[in-house]
Amino acid sequence: MSESLQVINQYLDYVFAYGTFWVYAAIFLACFIENITPPFPGDSFIVAAGGLIAVSRLTPLYVLISVIGGGMCSIMVVYYLGRRYGRDFFMRKNYRLFSAADIVEVEAKFKRHGGWLLIVSRFVVGFRVILALAAGMGKYSATKMAVYTGISYVMFASLLVYLGYKLIEHLDVIEHYFKTYNYIGWPLVAVLVVLYIVRKITKTREGNGK
């Protein structure tokens, strides 16, 4: 078993001493934190929980409730922050790199593709937080936000728990793939942000040159 999963299991073993409820609470907290302070390894906690289900230390239903509840709570916090403060702030400032016109464009895209974007959001590292902010800033329906993101979380959490349950002997292999996924995902998000900034700067300069 890999070092980080050993640390997680040791931590959960320590928490078990205080009762199973606190293990579920720790899983909930881990899944909550990963959207607030990325890149926190919340996925490793989910896989470890699947392994603990396999050895009959945790109940599948309560694990899923903890995982989905923690993730959904934090992603909706991000959404409401974007909705409450983001749109008015950026519309008022009208920054060159993120102008009022850009916000209107985001709103239009969410009206056309918001559901599908949110359904796949949990499967792309970093994407869900950016989408949640964008959805909030674009005043996307809170009900649709919760429903579509919830579908994404149910599918992704169920997949990870199942992998942890079925492949408990190979948790280090699973974690290796998810580490690779994180290592590739976050730099990719950073590259996309840089490309967006370069594109905006180029368009601004071209506009000023006319």
Foldseek 3Di string as FASTA:
>chain_A
DDDVLVVVVVVLVVQCVVPPVVSLVVLLQQLQVCLVDPPRPSLSSLLSVLLCVLVVNDDPVSNLCSNLVSNLVNLLVLLQCLQVPNQVPQAVVQDLLCGNVNLVVLLVVCVVCVLVQLLCQVVFPPSSSVSSNSCNNSVPDPVSNSVSNSNNSSVVSVVSSVCSNVPVVPSVVVVVVVVVRVVVRVVVVVVVSVVSSVVSVVVVVVVVVD
